[in-house]
C-alpha cells in the first residue's frame, strides 16, 4: 500500500501490549493470549482473524505493534477510492 494513496486508521491503548514473538499469531483463528478468560467471560479468538480477512478483502492490511512506553497500536490501511 502506497502512502498518499491509502487511508490509515490507528487504534491505540496503554494496556500490557503483546509479546513481540506473538504479534502475528494473534491473527490466527481461535488464538487467545488472555489465559484467564474462558468462554463464559468472552471471546473465542476470532476477532482479529476476521478483522484482517475483511481488511485484506478490501485491498488493505492491518498490523499490530507495541507502543513505546506500553500498550498496543493497531493500524488499518485501506486504498483510497
PDB file of N, CA and C in Angstrom:
ATOM      1  N   UNK A   1       0.840  -1.183   0.000  1.00  0.00           N
ATOM      2  CA  UNK A   1       0.000   0.000   0.000  1.00  0.00           C
ATOM      3  C   UNK A   1       0.882   1.242   0.000  1.00  0.00           C
ATOM      4  N   UNK A   2       0.536   2.183  -0.827  1.00  0.00           N
ATOM      5  CA  UNK A   2       1.360   3.371  -1.019  1.00  0.00           C
ATOM      6  C   UNK A   2       0.819   4.535  -0.186  1.00  0.00           C
ATOM      7  N   UNK A   3       1.666   5.152   0.676  1.00  0.00           N
ATOM      8  CA  UNK A   3       1.209   6.340   1.401  1.00  0.00           C
ATOM      9  C   UNK A   3       0.719   7.408   0.427  1.00  0.00           C
ATOM     10  N   UNK A   4      -0.323   8.119   0.776  1.00  0.00           N
ATOM     11  CA  UNK A   4      -0.919   9.107  -0.121  1.00  0.00           C
ATOM     12  C   UNK A   4      -2.025   8.505  -0.964  1.00  0.00           C
ATOM     13  N   UNK A   5      -1.920   7.227  -1.236  1.00  0.00           N
ATOM     14  CA  UNK A   5      -2.961   6.520  -1.974  1.00  0.00           C
ATOM     15  C   UNK A   5      -3.759   5.626  -1.043  1.00  0.00           C
ATOM     16  N   UNK A   6      -3.473   5.761   0.259  1.00  0.00           N
ATOM     17  CA  UNK A   6      -4.159   4.956   1.258  1.00  0.00           C
ATOM     18  C   UNK A   6      -4.650   5.858   2.386  1.00  0.00           C
ATOM     19  N   UNK A   7      -5.585   5.333   3.139  1.00  0.00           N
ATOM     20  CA  UNK A   7      -6.023   5.986   4.366  1.00  0.00           C
ATOM     21  C   UNK A   7      -5.660   5.056   5.515  1.00  0.00           C
ATOM     22  N   UNK A   8      -5.177   5.632   6.613  1.00  0.00           N
ATOM     23  CA  UNK A   8      -4.776   4.832   7.772  1.00  0.00           C
ATOM     24  C   UNK A   8      -5.671   5.160   8.957  1.00  0.00           C
ATOM     25  N   UNK A   9      -6.058   4.121   9.660  1.00  0.00           N
ATOM     26  CA  UNK A   9      -6.830   4.246  10.890  1.00  0.00           C
ATOM     27  C   UNK A   9      -6.006   3.585  11.976  1.00  0.00           C
ATOM     28  N   UNK A  10      -5.723   4.313  13.038  1.00  0.00           N
ATOM     29  CA  UNK A  10      -4.951   3.765  14.144  1.00  0.00           C
ATOM     30  C   UNK A  10      -5.793   3.731  15.410  1.00  0.00           C
ATOM     31  N   UNK A  11      -5.711   2.606  16.104  1.00  0.00           N
ATOM     32  CA  UNK A  11      -6.364   2.439  17.398  1.00  0.00           C
ATOM     33  C   UNK A  11      -5.269   2.060  18.378  1.00  0.00           C
ATOM     34  N   UNK A  12      -5.105   2.877  19.424  1.00  0.00           N
ATOM     35  CA  UNK A  12      -4.017   2.659  20.366  1.00  0.00           C
ATOM     36  C   UNK A  12      -4.547   2.549  21.790  1.00  0.00           C
ATOM     37  N   UNK A  13      -3.825   1.775  22.602  1.00  0.00           N
ATOM     38  CA  UNK A  13      -4.171   1.675  24.022  1.00  0.00           C
ATOM     39  C   UNK A  13      -2.896   1.718  24.852  1.00  0.00           C
ATOM     40  N   UNK A  14      -3.065   1.711  26.152  1.00  0.00           N
ATOM     41  CA  UNK A  14      -1.926   1.682  27.075  1.00  0.00           C
ATOM     42  C   UNK A  14      -1.981   0.434  27.954  1.00  0.00           C
ATOM     43  N   UNK A  15      -2.484  -0.656  27.380  1.00  0.00           N
ATOM     44  CA  UNK A  15      -2.544  -1.930  28.093  1.00  0.00           C
ATOM     45  C   UNK A  15      -1.180  -2.587  28.147  1.00  0.00           C
ATOM     46  N   UNK A  16      -1.153  -3.890  28.395  1.00  0.00           N
ATOM     47  CA  UNK A  16       0.120  -4.597  28.549  1.00  0.00           C
ATOM     48  C   UNK A  16       0.857  -4.874  27.242  1.00  0.00           C
ATOM     49  N   UNK A  17       0.219  -4.645  26.089  1.00  0.00           N
ATOM     50  CA  UNK A  17       0.854  -4.981  24.818  1.00  0.00           C
ATOM     51  C   UNK A  17       0.820  -6.477  24.572  1.00  0.00           C
ATOM     52  N   UNK A  18       1.561  -6.911  23.573  1.00  0.00           N
ATOM     53  CA  UNK A  18       1.628  -8.326  23.191  1.00  0.00           C
ATOM     54  C   UNK A  18       3.099  -8.685  23.047  1.00  0.00           C
ATOM     55  N   UNK A  19       3.521  -9.823  23.589  1.00  0.00           N
ATOM     56  CA  UNK A  19       4.912 -10.224  23.381  1.00  0.00           C
ATOM     57  C   UNK A  19       5.245 -10.217  21.883  1.00  0.00           C
ATOM     58  N   UNK A  20       6.393  -9.653  21.542  1.00  0.00           N
ATOM     59  CA  UNK A  20       6.775  -9.472  20.133  1.00  0.00           C
ATOM     60  C   UNK A  20       6.675 -10.767  19.329  1.00  0.00           C
ATOM     61  N   UNK A  21       7.035 -11.889  19.942  1.00  0.00           N
ATOM     62  CA  UNK A  21       7.015 -13.158  19.209  1.00  0.00           C
ATOM     63  C   UNK A  21       5.595 -13.669  18.964  1.00  0.00           C
ATOM     64  N   UNK A  22       4.588 -13.029  19.549  1.00  0.00           N
ATOM     65  CA  UNK A  22       3.203 -13.469  19.363  1.00  0.00           C
ATOM     66  C   UNK A  22       2.356 -12.500  18.536  1.00  0.00           C
ATOM     67  N   UNK A  23       2.944 -11.407  18.077  1.00  0.00           N
ATOM     68  CA  UNK A  23       2.167 -10.387  17.344  1.00  0.00           C
ATOM     69  C   UNK A  23       1.463 -10.983  16.127  1.00  0.00           C
ATOM     70  N   UNK A  24       2.136 -11.756  15.316  1.00  0.00           N
ATOM     71  CA  UNK A  24       1.487 -12.319  14.126  1.00  0.00           C
ATOM     72  C   UNK A  24       0.528 -13.453  14.478  1.00  0.00           C
ATOM     73  N   UNK A  25       0.841 -14.212  15.501  1.00  0.00           N
ATOM     74  CA  UNK A  25      -0.006 -15.368  15.837  1.00  0.00           C
ATOM     75  C   UNK A  25      -1.380 -14.965  16.349  1.00  0.00           C
ATOM     76  N   UNK A  26      -1.539 -13.739  16.855  1.00  0.00           N
ATOM     77  CA  UNK A  26      -2.868 -13.343  17.348  1.00  0.00           C
ATOM     78  C   UNK A  26      -3.878 -13.200  16.213  1.00  0.00           C
ATOM     79  N   UNK A  27      -3.402 -13.169  14.979  1.00  0.00           N
ATOM     80  CA  UNK A  27      -4.307 -13.129  13.822  1.00  0.00           C
ATOM     81  C   UNK A  27      -4.786 -14.529  13.421  1.00  0.00           C
ATOM     82  N   UNK A  28      -4.218 -15.569  14.017  1.00  0.00           N
ATOM     83  CA  UNK A  28      -4.652 -16.937  13.732  1.00  0.00           C
ATOM     84  C   UNK A  28      -5.999 -17.192  14.399  1.00  0.00           C
ATOM     85  N   UNK A  29      -6.936 -17.833  13.677  1.00  0.00           N
ATOM     86  CA  UNK A  29      -8.238 -18.127  14.284  1.00  0.00           C
ATOM     87  C   UNK A  29      -8.104 -18.917  15.580  1.00  0.00           C
ATOM     88  N   UNK A  30      -8.939 -18.571  16.538  1.00  0.00           N
ATOM     89  CA  UNK A  30      -9.052 -19.229  17.846  1.00  0.00           C
ATOM     90  C   UNK A  30      -7.845 -19.019  18.748  1.00  0.00           C
ATOM     91  N   UNK A  31      -7.022 -18.019  18.440  1.00  0.00           N
ATOM     92  CA  UNK A  31      -5.885 -17.697  19.290  1.00  0.00           C
ATOM     93  C   UNK A  31      -6.309 -16.653  20.311  1.00  0.00           C
ATOM     94  N   UNK A  32      -6.064 -16.976  21.576  1.00  0.00           N
ATOM     95  CA  UNK A  32      -6.357 -16.057  22.677  1.00  0.00           C
ATOM     96  C   UNK A  32      -5.147 -16.008  23.591  1.00  0.00           C
ATOM     97  N   UNK A  33      -4.648 -14.815  23.843  1.00  0.00           N
ATOM     98  CA  UNK A  33      -3.495 -14.678  24.724  1.00  0.00           C
ATOM     99  C   UNK A  33      -3.904 -14.563  26.186  1.00  0.00           C
ATOM    100  N   UNK A  34      -5.108 -14.117  26.431  1.00  0.00           N
ATOM    101  CA  UNK A  34      -5.609 -13.926  27.793  1.00  0.00           C
ATOM    102  C   UNK A  34      -6.022 -15.271  28.368  1.00  0.00           C
ATOM    103  N   UNK A  35      -5.140 -15.888  29.126  1.00  0.00           N
ATOM    104  CA  UNK A  35      -5.396 -17.240  29.624  1.00  0.00           C
ATOM    105  C   UNK A  35      -6.423 -17.277  30.745  1.00  0.00           C
ATOM    106  N   UNK A  36      -6.677 -16.139  31.390  1.00  0.00           N
ATOM    107  CA  UNK A  36      -7.643 -16.146  32.490  1.00  0.00           C
ATOM    108  C   UNK A  36      -9.077 -16.102  31.980  1.00  0.00           C
ATOM    109  N   UNK A  37      -9.263 -15.798  30.703  1.00  0.00           N
ATOM    110  CA  UNK A  37     -10.614 -15.710  30.152  1.00  0.00           C
ATOM    111  C   UNK A  37     -11.084 -17.087  29.709  1.00  0.00           C
ATOM    112  N   UNK A  38     -12.373 -17.300  29.817  1.00  0.00           N
ATOM    113  CA  UNK A  38     -12.951 -18.539  29.324  1.00  0.00           C
ATOM    114  C   UNK A  38     -14.179 -18.192  28.506  1.00  0.00           C
ATOM    115  N   UNK A  39     -14.856 -19.175  27.972  1.00  0.00           N
ATOM    116  CA  UNK A  39     -15.993 -18.900  27.094  1.00  0.00           C
ATOM    117  C   UNK A  39     -17.112 -18.156  27.805  1.00  0.00           C
ATOM    118  N   UNK A  40     -17.207 -18.302  29.119  1.00  0.00           N
ATOM    119  CA  UNK A  40     -18.243 -17.593  29.866  1.00  0.00           C
ATOM    120  C   UNK A  40     -17.906 -16.113  30.035  1.00  0.00           C
ATOM    121  N   UNK A  41     -16.621 -15.758  29.986  1.00  0.00           N
ATOM    122  CA  UNK A  41     -16.237 -14.363  30.192  1.00  0.00           C
ATOM    123  C   UNK A  41     -15.928 -13.643  28.888  1.00  0.00           C
ATOM    124  N   UNK A  42     -16.067 -14.316  27.762  1.00  0.00           N
ATOM    125  CA  UNK A  42     -15.968 -13.632  26.483  1.00  0.00           C
ATOM    126  C   UNK A  42     -14.847 -14.091  25.588  1.00  0.00           C
ATOM    127  N   UNK A  43     -15.126 -14.029  24.292  1.00  0.00           N
ATOM    128  CA  UNK A  43     -14.131 -14.255  23.271  1.00  0.00           C
ATOM    129  C   UNK A  43     -13.790 -15.695  22.982  1.00  0.00           C
ATOM    130  N   UNK A  44     -13.667 -15.983  21.675  1.00  0.00           N
ATOM    131  CA  UNK A  44     -13.198 -17.304  21.266  1.00  0.00           C
ATOM    132  C   UNK A  44     -11.976 -17.187  20.350  1.00  0.00           C
ATOM    133  N   UNK A  45     -11.483 -15.947  20.164  1.00  0.00           N
ATOM    134  CA  UNK A  45     -10.265 -15.753  19.393  1.00  0.00           C
ATOM    135  C   UNK A  45     -10.464 -15.616  17.898  1.00  0.00           C
ATOM    136  N   UNK A  46     -11.597 -15.075  17.495  1.00  0.00           N
ATOM    137  CA  UNK A  46     -11.841 -14.880  16.058  1.00  0.00           C
ATOM    138  C   UNK A  46     -11.797 -13.422  15.623  1.00  0.00           C
ATOM    139  N   UNK A  47     -11.851 -12.496  16.560  1.00  0.00           N
ATOM    140  CA  UNK A  47     -11.957 -11.075  16.224  1.00  0.00           C
ATOM    141  C   UNK A  47     -10.874 -10.560  15.300  1.00  0.00           C
ATOM    142  N   UNK A  48      -9.613 -10.760  15.656  1.00  0.00           N
ATOM    143  CA  UNK A  48      -8.527 -10.251  14.824  1.00  0.00           C
ATOM    144  C   UNK A  48      -8.402 -11.019  13.516  1.00  0.00           C
ATOM    145  N   UNK A  49      -8.681 -12.313  13.527  1.00  0.00           N
ATOM    146  CA  UNK A  49      -8.640 -13.097  12.284  1.00  0.00           C
ATOM    147  C   UNK A  49      -9.687 -12.570  11.306  1.00  0.00           C
ATOM    148  N   UNK A  50     -10.889 -12.292  11.801  1.00  0.00           N
ATOM    149  CA  UNK A  50     -11.943 -11.751  10.943  1.00  0.00           C
ATOM    150  C   UNK A  50     -11.618 -10.334  10.488  1.00  0.00           C
ATOM    151  N   UNK A  51     -11.111  -9.514  11.395  1.00  0.00           N
ATOM    152  CA  UNK A  51     -10.752  -8.142  11.031  1.00  0.00           C
ATOM    153  C   UNK A  51      -9.729  -8.127   9.900  1.00  0.00           C
ATOM    154  N   UNK A  52      -8.689  -8.949  10.026  1.00  0.00           N
ATOM    155  CA  UNK A  52      -7.657  -8.981   8.982  1.00  0.00           C
ATOM    156  C   UNK A  52      -8.235  -9.488   7.656  1.00  0.00           C
ATOM    157  N   UNK A  53      -9.081 -10.514   7.701  1.00  0.00           N
ATOM    158  CA  UNK A  53      -9.675 -11.042   6.471  1.00  0.00           C
ATOM    159  C   UNK A  53     -10.531  -9.979   5.779  1.00  0.00           C
ATOM    160  N   UNK A  54     -11.311  -9.240   6.536  1.00  0.00           N
ATOM    161  CA  UNK A  54     -12.179  -8.201   5.968  1.00  0.00           C
ATOM    162  C   UNK A  54     -11.341  -7.082   5.359  1.00  0.00           C
ATOM    163  N   UNK A  55     -10.333  -6.626   6.099  1.00  0.00           N
ATOM    164  CA  UNK A  55      -9.491  -5.532   5.607  1.00  0.00           C
ATOM    165  C   UNK A  55      -8.718  -5.965   4.366  1.00  0.00           C
ATOM    166  N   UNK A  56      -8.191  -7.177   4.363  1.00  0.00           N
ATOM    167  CA  UNK A  56      -7.452  -7.654   3.182  1.00  0.00           C
ATOM    168  C   UNK A  56      -8.376  -7.850   1.991  1.00  0.00           C
ATOM    169  N   UNK A  57      -9.598  -8.287   2.234  1.00  0.00           N
ATOM    170  CA  UNK A  57     -10.569  -8.428   1.146  1.00  0.00           C
ATOM    171  C   UNK A  57     -10.873  -7.071   0.504  1.00  0.00           C
ATOM    172  N   UNK A  58     -10.748  -6.009   1.274  1.00  0.00           N
ATOM    173  CA  UNK A  58     -10.973  -4.654   0.761  1.00  0.00           C
ATOM    174  C   UNK A  58      -9.705  -4.060   0.143  1.00  0.00           C
ATOM    175  N   UNK A  59      -8.631  -4.860   0.067  1.00  0.00           N
ATOM    176  CA  UNK A  59      -7.393  -4.400  -0.568  1.00  0.00           C
ATOM    177  C   UNK A  59      -6.415  -3.734   0.385  1.00  0.00           C
ATOM    178  N   UNK A  60      -6.660  -3.857   1.681  1.00  0.00           N
ATOM    179  CA  UNK A  60      -5.790  -3.227   2.668  1.00  0.00           C
ATOM    180  C   UNK A  60      -5.059  -4.227   3.521  1.00  0.00           C
ATOM    181  N   UNK A  61      -4.600  -3.754   4.666  1.00  0.00           N
ATOM    182  CA  UNK A  61      -3.919  -4.631   5.614  1.00  0.00           C
ATOM    183  C   UNK A  61      -4.093  -4.054   7.008  1.00  0.00           C
ATOM    184  N   UNK A  62      -3.904  -4.891   7.996  1.00  0.00           N
ATOM    185  CA  UNK A  62      -3.938  -4.498   9.397  1.00  0.00           C
ATOM    186  C   UNK A  62      -2.708  -5.073  10.065  1.00  0.00           C
ATOM    187  N   UNK A  63      -2.029  -4.233  10.840  1.00  0.00           N
ATOM    188  CA  UNK A  63      -0.842  -4.672  11.558  1.00  0.00           C
ATOM    189  C   UNK A  63      -0.925  -4.189  12.998  1.00  0.00           C
ATOM    190  N   UNK A  64      -0.261  -4.922  13.875  1.00  0.00           N
ATOM    191  CA  UNK A  64      -0.185  -4.571  15.283  1.00  0.00           C
ATOM    192  C   UNK A  64       1.259  -4.266  15.637  1.00  0.00           C
ATOM    193  N   UNK A  65       1.447  -3.347  16.574  1.00  0.00           N
ATOM    194  CA  UNK A  65       2.789  -3.034  17.062  1.00  0.00           C
ATOM    195  C   UNK A  65       2.686  -2.580  18.506  1.00  0.00           C
ATOM    196  N   UNK A  66       3.669  -2.953  19.287  1.00  0.00           N
ATOM    197  CA  UNK A  66       3.738  -2.474  20.659  1.00  0.00           C
ATOM    198  C   UNK A  66       4.155  -1.010  20.651  1.00  0.00           C
ATOM    199  N   UNK A  67       3.560  -0.242  21.573  1.00  0.00           N
ATOM    200  CA  UNK A  67       3.870   1.182  21.679  1.00  0.00           C
ATOM    201  C   UNK A  67       5.014   1.398  22.657  1.00  0.00           C
ATOM    202  N   UNK A  68       5.830   2.374  22.348  1.00  0.00           N
ATOM    203  CA  UNK A  68       6.880   2.760  23.283  1.00  0.00           C
ATOM    204  C   UNK A  68       6.210   3.261  24.556  1.00  0.00           C
ATOM    205  N   UNK A  69       6.652   2.780  25.684  1.00  0.00           N
ATOM    206  CA  UNK A  69       6.054   3.170  26.951  1.00  0.00           C
ATOM    207  C   UNK A  69       4.896   2.282  27.377  1.00  0.00           C
ATOM    208  N   UNK A  70       4.552   1.291  26.555  1.00  0.00           N
ATOM    209  CA  UNK A  70       3.485   0.347  26.896  1.00  0.00           C
ATOM    210  C   UNK A  70       2.253   0.528  26.050  1.00  0.00           C
ATOM    211  N   UNK A  71       1.581  -0.547  25.833  1.00  0.00           N
ATOM    212  CA  UNK A  71       0.367  -0.522  25.033  1.00  0.00           C
ATOM    213  C   UNK A  71       0.575  -1.086  23.646  1.00  0.00           C
ATOM    214  N   UNK A  72      -0.475  -0.989  22.864  1.00  0.00           N
ATOM    215  CA  UNK A  72      -0.501  -1.576  21.525  1.00  0.00           C
ATOM    216  C   UNK A  72      -1.151  -0.597  20.574  1.00  0.00           C
ATOM    217  N   UNK A  73      -0.729  -0.607  19.318  1.00  0.00           N
ATOM    218  CA  UNK A  73      -1.400   0.159  18.280  1.00  0.00           C
ATOM    219  C   UNK A  73      -1.753  -0.783  17.130  1.00  0.00           C
ATOM    220  N   UNK A  74      -3.001  -0.728  16.716  1.00  0.00           N
ATOM    221  CA  UNK A  74      -3.462  -1.467  15.542  1.00  0.00           C
ATOM    222  C   UNK A  74      -3.624  -0.449  14.425  1.00  0.00           C
ATOM    223  N   UNK A  75      -2.982  -0.705  13.297  1.00  0.00           N
ATOM    224  CA  UNK A  75      -3.065   0.201  12.147  1.00  0.00           C
ATOM    225  C   UNK A  75      -3.726  -0.520  10.984  1.00  0.00           C
ATOM    226  N   UNK A  76      -4.815   0.073  10.520  1.00  0.00           N
ATOM    227  CA  UNK A  76      -5.526  -0.440   9.351  1.00  0.00           C
ATOM    228  C   UNK A  76      -5.239   0.520   8.206  1.00  0.00           C
ATOM    229  N   UNK A  77      -4.755  -0.004   7.100  1.00  0.00           N
ATOM    230  CA  UNK A  77      -4.516   0.808   5.892  1.00  0.00           C
ATOM    231  C   UNK A  77      -5.426   0.271   4.791  1.00  0.00           C
ATOM    232  N   UNK A  78      -6.142   1.203   4.175  1.00  0.00           N
ATOM    233  CA  UNK A  78      -7.061   0.868   3.093  1.00  0.00           C
ATOM    234  C   UNK A  78      -6.794   1.752   1.891  1.00  0.00           C
ATOM    235  N   UNK A  79      -6.988   1.223   0.680  1.00  0.00           N
ATOM    236  CA  UNK A  79      -6.802   2.065  -0.503  1.00  0.00           C
ATOM    237  C   UNK A  79      -7.874   3.154  -0.568  1.00  0.00           C
ATOM    238  N   UNK A  80      -7.477   4.326  -1.034  1.00  0.00           N
ATOM    239  CA  UNK A  80      -8.451   5.412  -1.241  1.00  0.00           C
ATOM    240  C   UNK A  80      -9.259   5.126  -2.485  1.00  0.00           C
ATOM    241  N   UNK A  81     -10.489   5.555  -2.446  1.00  0.00           N
ATOM    242  CA  UNK A  81     -11.334   5.470  -3.637  1.00  0.00           C
ATOM    243  C   UNK A  81     -11.824   4.124  -3.848  1.00  0.00           C
TER     244      UNK A  81
END
